[in-house]
């Protein structure tokens, strides 16, 4: 794993955890993880996880330095209560609405051009599409959103 990945993941965690109160609809403390799948499976409450970018790609050359593209992920996962009405197993709830809004807010909080960390990585894209995984919600009663960031760094 590249130190660029570690520095960028730490910078993303610091930015999310350093947000002023009220920035996000649901409060949370994010943390960096190496194997997000294991953390997703054992989540018993809301978790915001930052996974290291696994695909470091050497980018274009410049006169002074070589550029790299790193793609870390911010993962929002939370168990969702079973529906109160068995006849409406997929009812829309305030909790799910808030989690969708939280994922959108996190993506918006990582704007294009944002410089992060000591290696001055710049966010070039933040994408959450789809905003959540409907299969996770239906089959596992778990909200799961993966926000894919793209950062350019030296």
N, C-alpha and C. Protein backbone atom coordinates (compact mmCIF):
# COMPACT_ATOMS: atom_id res chain seq x y z
N UNK A 1 0.85 -1.17 0.00
CA UNK A 1 0.00 0.00 0.00
C UNK A 1 0.90 1.23 0.00
N UNK A 2 0.55 2.15 -0.80
CA UNK A 2 1.34 3.37 -0.94
C UNK A 2 1.09 4.32 0.23
N UNK A 3 2.13 5.03 0.63
CA UNK A 3 1.94 6.03 1.68
C UNK A 3 1.01 7.13 1.21
N UNK A 4 0.90 7.34 -0.10
CA UNK A 4 -0.05 8.32 -0.62
C UNK A 4 -1.47 7.95 -0.22
N UNK A 5 -1.78 6.66 -0.29
CA UNK A 5 -3.10 6.19 0.10
C UNK A 5 -3.38 6.45 1.57
N UNK A 6 -2.40 6.14 2.41
CA UNK A 6 -2.56 6.33 3.85
C UNK A 6 -2.73 7.81 4.18
N UNK A 7 -1.89 8.65 3.61
CA UNK A 7 -1.99 10.09 3.86
C UNK A 7 -3.33 10.65 3.41
N UNK A 8 -3.79 10.20 2.26
CA UNK A 8 -5.07 10.70 1.75
C UNK A 8 -6.24 10.21 2.61
N UNK A 9 -6.23 8.93 2.99
CA UNK A 9 -7.30 8.41 3.85
C UNK A 9 -7.33 9.15 5.18
N UNK A 10 -6.15 9.39 5.77
CA UNK A 10 -6.09 10.14 7.04
C UNK A 10 -6.62 11.56 6.87
N UNK A 11 -6.32 12.18 5.74
CA UNK A 11 -6.79 13.55 5.49
C UNK A 11 -8.31 13.58 5.31
N UNK A 12 -8.86 12.58 4.68
CA UNK A 12 -10.33 12.51 4.50
C UNK A 12 -11.00 12.32 5.84
N UNK A 13 -10.48 11.41 6.67
CA UNK A 13 -11.03 11.20 8.01
C UNK A 13 -10.95 12.49 8.82
N UNK A 14 -9.82 13.17 8.77
CA UNK A 14 -9.65 14.43 9.52
C UNK A 14 -10.65 15.48 9.04
N UNK A 15 -10.86 15.58 7.73
CA UNK A 15 -11.82 16.56 7.21
C UNK A 15 -13.24 16.24 7.67
N UNK A 16 -13.64 14.98 7.56
CA UNK A 16 -15.00 14.61 7.97
C UNK A 16 -15.20 14.80 9.47
N UNK A 17 -14.23 14.36 10.26
CA UNK A 17 -14.37 14.47 11.72
C UNK A 17 -14.20 15.90 12.22
N UNK A 18 -13.57 16.75 11.42
CA UNK A 18 -13.38 18.14 11.81
C UNK A 18 -14.47 19.07 11.33
N UNK A 19 -15.50 18.53 10.71
CA UNK A 19 -16.60 19.37 10.20
C UNK A 19 -17.33 20.03 11.37
N UNK A 20 -17.73 21.28 11.19
CA UNK A 20 -18.47 21.96 12.26
C UNK A 20 -19.77 21.22 12.57
N UNK A 21 -20.19 21.28 13.82
CA UNK A 21 -21.46 20.67 14.22
C UNK A 21 -22.60 21.16 13.34
N UNK A 22 -23.48 20.27 12.97
CA UNK A 22 -24.62 20.63 12.13
C UNK A 22 -24.33 20.54 10.64
N UNK A 23 -23.10 20.22 10.26
CA UNK A 23 -22.77 20.08 8.84
C UNK A 23 -23.52 18.91 8.24
N UNK A 24 -23.64 17.83 9.01
CA UNK A 24 -24.28 16.61 8.52
C UNK A 24 -25.58 16.36 9.27
N UNK A 25 -26.55 15.80 8.60
CA UNK A 25 -27.87 15.56 9.17
C UNK A 25 -27.82 14.55 10.32
N UNK A 26 -26.86 13.64 10.28
CA UNK A 26 -26.68 12.64 11.32
C UNK A 26 -25.22 12.73 11.80
N UNK A 27 -24.98 12.90 13.09
CA UNK A 27 -23.60 12.97 13.57
C UNK A 27 -22.90 11.61 13.47
N UNK A 28 -21.60 11.64 13.25
CA UNK A 28 -20.82 10.41 13.14
C UNK A 28 -19.36 10.72 13.39
N UNK A 29 -18.59 9.68 13.62
CA UNK A 29 -17.13 9.76 13.68
C UNK A 29 -16.63 8.77 12.63
N UNK A 30 -15.92 9.28 11.64
CA UNK A 30 -15.41 8.39 10.60
C UNK A 30 -14.09 7.77 11.04
N UNK A 31 -13.74 6.68 10.38
CA UNK A 31 -12.46 6.04 10.65
C UNK A 31 -11.97 5.34 9.39
N UNK A 32 -10.69 5.17 9.33
CA UNK A 32 -10.04 4.55 8.18
C UNK A 32 -9.98 3.04 8.39
N UNK A 33 -10.24 2.28 7.33
CA UNK A 33 -10.20 0.82 7.42
C UNK A 33 -9.42 0.26 6.23
N UNK A 34 -8.84 -0.90 6.45
CA UNK A 34 -8.08 -1.55 5.36
C UNK A 34 -8.95 -2.51 4.57
N UNK A 35 -9.85 -3.23 5.25
CA UNK A 35 -10.71 -4.21 4.58
C UNK A 35 -12.15 -3.83 4.89
N UNK A 36 -12.74 -2.97 4.07
CA UNK A 36 -14.08 -2.46 4.38
C UNK A 36 -15.16 -3.53 4.46
N UNK A 37 -15.03 -4.59 3.67
CA UNK A 37 -16.07 -5.62 3.67
C UNK A 37 -16.30 -6.19 5.08
N UNK A 38 -15.22 -6.45 5.81
CA UNK A 38 -15.35 -7.01 7.15
C UNK A 38 -16.05 -6.03 8.08
N UNK A 39 -15.74 -4.75 7.95
CA UNK A 39 -16.36 -3.73 8.80
C UNK A 39 -17.84 -3.55 8.45
N UNK A 40 -18.16 -3.65 7.18
CA UNK A 40 -19.56 -3.52 6.75
C UNK A 40 -20.38 -4.66 7.34
N UNK A 41 -19.85 -5.87 7.28
CA UNK A 41 -20.58 -7.04 7.76
C UNK A 41 -20.84 -6.99 9.27
N UNK A 42 -19.94 -6.39 10.03
CA UNK A 42 -20.12 -6.40 11.49
C UNK A 42 -20.71 -5.09 12.03
N UNK A 43 -21.10 -4.18 11.18
CA UNK A 43 -21.66 -2.90 11.63
C UNK A 43 -23.00 -3.11 12.36
N UNK A 44 -23.08 -2.63 13.59
CA UNK A 44 -24.31 -2.72 14.37
C UNK A 44 -24.94 -1.35 14.59
N UNK A 45 -24.27 -0.32 14.13
CA UNK A 45 -24.77 1.05 14.22
C UNK A 45 -24.18 1.81 13.03
N UNK A 46 -24.56 3.07 12.90
CA UNK A 46 -24.04 3.87 11.79
C UNK A 46 -22.51 3.89 11.84
N UNK A 47 -21.90 3.63 10.68
CA UNK A 47 -20.44 3.70 10.55
C UNK A 47 -20.13 4.44 9.26
N UNK A 48 -19.17 5.36 9.33
CA UNK A 48 -18.65 6.04 8.14
C UNK A 48 -17.20 5.62 8.04
N UNK A 49 -16.90 4.85 7.01
CA UNK A 49 -15.59 4.24 6.85
C UNK A 49 -14.87 4.84 5.65
N UNK A 50 -13.59 5.05 5.79
CA UNK A 50 -12.78 5.53 4.67
C UNK A 50 -11.83 4.39 4.31
N UNK A 51 -12.00 3.88 3.09
CA UNK A 51 -11.16 2.78 2.63
C UNK A 51 -10.07 3.33 1.73
N UNK A 52 -8.89 2.80 1.88
CA UNK A 52 -7.75 3.23 1.08
C UNK A 52 -8.05 3.01 -0.40
N UNK A 53 -7.51 3.90 -1.22
CA UNK A 53 -7.61 3.70 -2.66
C UNK A 53 -6.78 2.50 -3.06
N UNK A 54 -7.40 1.56 -3.72
CA UNK A 54 -6.68 0.33 -4.05
C UNK A 54 -6.04 0.35 -5.42
N UNK A 55 -6.40 1.35 -6.22
CA UNK A 55 -5.84 1.36 -7.58
C UNK A 55 -5.07 2.64 -7.83
N UNK A 56 -3.81 2.61 -7.44
CA UNK A 56 -2.90 3.72 -7.69
C UNK A 56 -2.43 3.62 -9.13
N UNK A 57 -2.72 4.63 -9.90
CA UNK A 57 -2.38 4.62 -11.32
C UNK A 57 -1.45 5.79 -11.60
N UNK A 58 -0.34 5.51 -12.23
CA UNK A 58 0.56 6.60 -12.56
C UNK A 58 -0.07 7.43 -13.66
N UNK A 59 -0.07 8.71 -13.44
CA UNK A 59 -0.73 9.62 -14.37
C UNK A 59 0.26 10.29 -15.30
N UNK A 60 -0.15 11.39 -15.87
CA UNK A 60 0.69 12.08 -16.85
C UNK A 60 1.94 12.67 -16.21
N UNK A 61 2.97 12.77 -17.00
CA UNK A 61 4.21 13.38 -16.54
C UNK A 61 4.10 14.90 -16.66
N UNK A 62 4.75 15.59 -15.76
CA UNK A 62 4.91 17.03 -15.88
C UNK A 62 6.41 17.29 -15.82
N UNK A 63 6.83 18.50 -16.01
CA UNK A 63 8.27 18.79 -15.96
C UNK A 63 8.87 18.49 -14.60
N UNK A 64 8.11 18.75 -13.55
CA UNK A 64 8.67 18.64 -12.21
C UNK A 64 8.36 17.31 -11.52
N UNK A 65 7.25 16.69 -11.86
CA UNK A 65 6.85 15.53 -11.07
C UNK A 65 5.91 14.62 -11.85
N UNK A 66 5.73 13.46 -11.34
CA UNK A 66 4.78 12.49 -11.90
C UNK A 66 3.50 12.58 -11.08
N UNK A 67 2.36 12.59 -11.75
CA UNK A 67 1.08 12.68 -11.06
C UNK A 67 0.47 11.29 -10.91
N UNK A 68 -0.30 11.10 -9.84
CA UNK A 68 -0.95 9.82 -9.55
C UNK A 68 -2.44 10.06 -9.31
N UNK A 69 -3.23 9.09 -9.69
CA UNK A 69 -4.66 9.12 -9.40
C UNK A 69 -4.93 8.07 -8.33
N UNK A 70 -5.60 8.49 -7.26
CA UNK A 70 -5.95 7.59 -6.17
C UNK A 70 -7.46 7.64 -6.00
N UNK A 71 -8.08 6.49 -5.74
CA UNK A 71 -9.54 6.46 -5.63
C UNK A 71 -9.99 5.86 -4.29
N UNK A 72 -9.91 6.63 -3.22
CA UNK A 72 -10.43 6.14 -1.94
C UNK A 72 -11.96 6.13 -1.96
N UNK A 73 -12.53 5.43 -1.01
CA UNK A 73 -13.98 5.35 -0.89
C UNK A 73 -14.40 5.76 0.51
N UNK A 74 -15.51 6.49 0.58
CA UNK A 74 -16.15 6.79 1.86
C UNK A 74 -17.42 5.94 1.87
N UNK A 75 -17.54 5.08 2.87
CA UNK A 75 -18.64 4.12 2.94
C UNK A 75 -19.53 4.48 4.12
N UNK A 76 -20.83 4.63 3.84
CA UNK A 76 -21.82 4.87 4.88
C UNK A 76 -22.63 3.59 5.02
N UNK A 77 -22.61 3.00 6.20
CA UNK A 77 -23.34 1.76 6.44
C UNK A 77 -24.09 1.87 7.76
N UNK A 78 -25.33 1.37 7.75
CA UNK A 78 -26.12 1.40 8.98
C UNK A 78 -27.22 0.35 8.90
N UNK A 79 -27.43 -0.40 9.98
CA UNK A 79 -28.58 -1.29 10.00
C UNK A 79 -29.86 -0.45 9.95
N UNK A 80 -30.89 -1.00 9.36
CA UNK A 80 -32.17 -0.30 9.26
C UNK A 80 -33.22 -1.19 9.93
N UNK A 81 -34.05 -0.58 10.76
CA UNK A 81 -35.07 -1.34 11.48
C UNK A 81 -36.04 -2.00 10.51
N UNK A 82 -36.52 -3.15 10.92
CA UNK A 82 -37.53 -3.85 10.12
C UNK A 82 -38.78 -2.98 10.03
N UNK A 83 -39.53 -3.12 8.96
CA UNK A 83 -40.73 -2.30 8.80
C UNK A 83 -41.75 -2.60 9.89
N UNK A 84 -42.52 -1.59 10.24
CA UNK A 84 -43.54 -1.76 11.28
C UNK A 84 -44.79 -2.43 10.72
N UNK A 85 -44.99 -2.37 9.43
CA UNK A 85 -46.15 -2.96 8.79
C UNK A 85 -45.68 -4.03 7.80
N UNK A 86 -46.02 -5.28 8.08
CA UNK A 86 -45.58 -6.39 7.23
C UNK A 86 -46.10 -6.26 5.80
N UNK A 87 -47.18 -5.52 5.62
CA UNK A 87 -47.74 -5.32 4.28
C UNK A 87 -46.97 -4.28 3.48
N UNK A 88 -46.09 -3.52 4.15
CA UNK A 88 -45.28 -2.49 3.50
C UNK A 88 -43.81 -2.76 3.80
N UNK A 89 -43.25 -3.86 3.29
CA UNK A 89 -41.87 -4.22 3.66
C UNK A 89 -40.81 -3.24 3.16
N UNK A 90 -41.14 -2.40 2.21
CA UNK A 90 -40.14 -1.48 1.67
C UNK A 90 -40.56 -0.03 1.86
N UNK A 91 -41.27 0.22 2.93
CA UNK A 91 -41.74 1.57 3.17
C UNK A 91 -40.58 2.54 3.34
N UNK A 92 -40.82 3.75 2.92
CA UNK A 92 -39.81 4.79 3.07
C UNK A 92 -39.87 5.29 4.51
N UNK A 93 -38.71 5.41 5.14
CA UNK A 93 -38.67 5.83 6.53
C UNK A 93 -37.80 7.07 6.69
N UNK A 94 -38.01 7.76 7.77
CA UNK A 94 -37.19 8.94 8.07
C UNK A 94 -35.73 8.55 8.23
N UNK A 95 -35.48 7.40 8.84
CA UNK A 95 -34.09 6.96 9.05
C UNK A 95 -33.38 6.77 7.72
N UNK A 96 -34.02 6.12 6.76
CA UNK A 96 -33.40 5.90 5.46
C UNK A 96 -33.24 7.23 4.73
N UNK A 97 -34.24 8.09 4.82
CA UNK A 97 -34.14 9.42 4.20
C UNK A 97 -32.93 10.18 4.74
N UNK A 98 -32.72 10.10 6.06
CA UNK A 98 -31.59 10.80 6.66
C UNK A 98 -30.25 10.20 6.22
N UNK A 99 -30.19 8.89 6.06
CA UNK A 99 -28.96 8.26 5.60
C UNK A 99 -28.66 8.62 4.15
N UNK A 100 -29.69 8.71 3.32
CA UNK A 100 -29.50 9.15 1.93
C UNK A 100 -28.97 10.58 1.93
N UNK A 101 -29.57 11.43 2.74
CA UNK A 101 -29.12 12.82 2.82
C UNK A 101 -27.68 12.90 3.34
N UNK A 102 -27.34 12.06 4.32
CA UNK A 102 -25.98 12.05 4.85
C UNK A 102 -24.97 11.69 3.76
N UNK A 103 -25.26 10.66 2.97
CA UNK A 103 -24.36 10.27 1.89
C UNK A 103 -24.18 11.41 0.89
N UNK A 104 -25.28 12.08 0.55
CA UNK A 104 -25.20 13.23 -0.37
C UNK A 104 -24.37 14.36 0.23
N UNK A 105 -24.56 14.61 1.52
CA UNK A 105 -23.81 15.68 2.19
C UNK A 105 -22.31 15.37 2.22
N UNK A 106 -21.96 14.11 2.47
CA UNK A 106 -20.55 13.73 2.49
C UNK A 106 -19.94 13.95 1.11
N UNK A 107 -20.63 13.52 0.07
CA UNK A 107 -20.13 13.72 -1.29
C UNK A 107 -19.95 15.21 -1.58
N UNK A 108 -20.91 16.03 -1.16
CA UNK A 108 -20.83 17.47 -1.38
C UNK A 108 -19.72 18.12 -0.55
N UNK A 109 -19.37 17.50 0.58
CA UNK A 109 -18.35 18.04 1.47
C UNK A 109 -16.93 17.78 0.95
N UNK A 110 -16.84 17.05 -0.13
CA UNK A 110 -15.57 16.77 -0.79
C UNK A 110 -15.59 17.42 -2.17
N UNK A 111 -15.61 18.74 -2.25
CA UNK A 111 -15.77 19.41 -3.55
C UNK A 111 -14.56 19.28 -4.46
N UNK A 112 -14.80 19.40 -5.73
CA UNK A 112 -13.73 19.38 -6.73
C UNK A 112 -12.72 20.48 -6.41
N UNK A 113 -11.45 20.13 -6.45
CA UNK A 113 -10.39 21.10 -6.19
C UNK A 113 -9.94 21.15 -4.75
N UNK A 114 -10.67 20.47 -3.85
CA UNK A 114 -10.31 20.47 -2.43
C UNK A 114 -8.94 19.82 -2.25
N UNK A 115 -8.01 20.54 -1.62
CA UNK A 115 -6.67 20.00 -1.34
C UNK A 115 -6.70 19.32 0.02
N UNK A 116 -6.17 18.10 0.09
CA UNK A 116 -6.18 17.33 1.32
C UNK A 116 -4.79 16.79 1.63
N UNK A 117 -4.42 16.83 2.89
CA UNK A 117 -3.21 16.17 3.35
C UNK A 117 -1.91 16.86 2.98
N UNK A 118 -0.85 16.33 3.56
CA UNK A 118 0.47 16.92 3.34
C UNK A 118 0.99 16.69 1.93
N UNK A 119 0.44 15.71 1.22
CA UNK A 119 0.88 15.48 -0.15
C UNK A 119 0.05 16.27 -1.16
N UNK A 120 -0.82 17.15 -0.64
CA UNK A 120 -1.62 18.06 -1.45
C UNK A 120 -2.40 17.36 -2.55
N UNK A 121 -3.05 16.27 -2.18
CA UNK A 121 -3.94 15.60 -3.11
C UNK A 121 -5.15 16.51 -3.34
N UNK A 122 -5.57 16.59 -4.57
CA UNK A 122 -6.74 17.41 -4.90
C UNK A 122 -7.86 16.51 -5.39
N UNK A 123 -9.03 16.69 -4.79
CA UNK A 123 -10.20 15.92 -5.20
C UNK A 123 -10.62 16.39 -6.59
N UNK A 124 -10.78 15.44 -7.50
CA UNK A 124 -11.24 15.80 -8.84
C UNK A 124 -12.66 15.30 -9.10
N UNK A 125 -13.15 14.40 -8.22
CA UNK A 125 -14.50 13.88 -8.40
C UNK A 125 -14.96 13.20 -7.12
N UNK A 126 -16.25 13.34 -6.80
CA UNK A 126 -16.89 12.61 -5.71
C UNK A 126 -18.20 12.08 -6.27
N UNK A 127 -18.31 10.77 -6.36
CA UNK A 127 -19.46 10.16 -7.02
C UNK A 127 -20.11 9.12 -6.13
N UNK A 128 -21.40 9.25 -5.93
CA UNK A 128 -22.20 8.24 -5.22
C UNK A 128 -23.35 7.88 -6.15
N UNK A 129 -23.12 6.91 -7.00
CA UNK A 129 -24.14 6.53 -7.97
C UNK A 129 -24.15 5.02 -8.11
N UNK A 130 -25.15 4.34 -7.61
CA UNK A 130 -26.36 4.89 -7.01
C UNK A 130 -26.07 5.41 -5.60
N UNK A 131 -26.96 6.21 -5.07
CA UNK A 131 -26.73 6.82 -3.77
C UNK A 131 -26.76 5.77 -2.65
N UNK A 132 -27.46 4.66 -2.88
CA UNK A 132 -27.42 3.55 -1.93
C UNK A 132 -27.71 2.26 -2.69
N UNK A 133 -27.40 1.15 -2.04
CA UNK A 133 -27.59 -0.16 -2.66
C UNK A 133 -28.96 -0.71 -2.26
N UNK A 134 -29.93 -0.74 -3.19
CA UNK A 134 -31.27 -1.21 -2.83
C UNK A 134 -31.30 -2.69 -2.45
N UNK A 135 -30.40 -3.50 -3.00
CA UNK A 135 -30.37 -4.92 -2.64
C UNK A 135 -29.97 -5.12 -1.19
N UNK A 136 -28.99 -4.34 -0.72
CA UNK A 136 -28.59 -4.42 0.70
C UNK A 136 -29.77 -4.06 1.60
N UNK A 137 -30.49 -3.03 1.21
CA UNK A 137 -31.63 -2.57 2.01
C UNK A 137 -32.72 -3.64 2.03
N UNK A 138 -33.00 -4.22 0.89
CA UNK A 138 -34.06 -5.21 0.79
C UNK A 138 -33.69 -6.53 1.48
N UNK A 139 -32.52 -7.05 1.18
CA UNK A 139 -32.18 -8.39 1.65
C UNK A 139 -31.56 -8.43 3.04
N UNK A 140 -30.81 -7.40 3.39
CA UNK A 140 -30.10 -7.42 4.67
C UNK A 140 -30.57 -6.36 5.64
N UNK A 141 -31.57 -5.55 5.23
CA UNK A 141 -32.05 -4.45 6.07
C UNK A 141 -30.87 -3.61 6.54
N UNK A 142 -30.00 -3.29 5.57
CA UNK A 142 -28.80 -2.50 5.87
C UNK A 142 -28.66 -1.43 4.79
N UNK A 143 -28.49 -0.19 5.24
CA UNK A 143 -28.24 0.90 4.31
C UNK A 143 -26.75 0.88 3.97
N UNK A 144 -26.43 0.96 2.67
CA UNK A 144 -25.04 0.96 2.24
C UNK A 144 -24.89 1.93 1.08
N UNK A 145 -24.01 2.89 1.28
CA UNK A 145 -23.69 3.86 0.23
C UNK A 145 -22.17 3.92 0.12
N UNK A 146 -21.69 3.91 -1.11
CA UNK A 146 -20.24 4.01 -1.35
C UNK A 146 -20.00 5.25 -2.19
N UNK A 147 -19.27 6.20 -1.60
CA UNK A 147 -18.91 7.44 -2.30
C UNK A 147 -17.49 7.27 -2.80
N UNK A 148 -17.34 7.25 -4.10
CA UNK A 148 -16.02 7.06 -4.70
C UNK A 148 -15.39 8.42 -4.98
N UNK A 149 -14.26 8.63 -4.37
CA UNK A 149 -13.52 9.88 -4.59
C UNK A 149 -12.40 9.62 -5.58
N UNK A 150 -12.09 10.61 -6.37
CA UNK A 150 -10.92 10.54 -7.24
C UNK A 150 -10.04 11.71 -6.85
N UNK A 151 -8.77 11.43 -6.60
CA UNK A 151 -7.84 12.47 -6.19
C UNK A 151 -6.58 12.40 -7.04
N UNK A 152 -6.09 13.53 -7.39
CA UNK A 152 -4.83 13.64 -8.15
C UNK A 152 -3.76 14.14 -7.19
N UNK A 153 -2.64 13.44 -7.15
CA UNK A 153 -1.58 13.78 -6.21
C UNK A 153 -0.21 13.54 -6.82
N UNK A 154 0.81 14.10 -6.19
CA UNK A 154 2.18 13.90 -6.67
C UNK A 154 2.84 12.78 -5.90
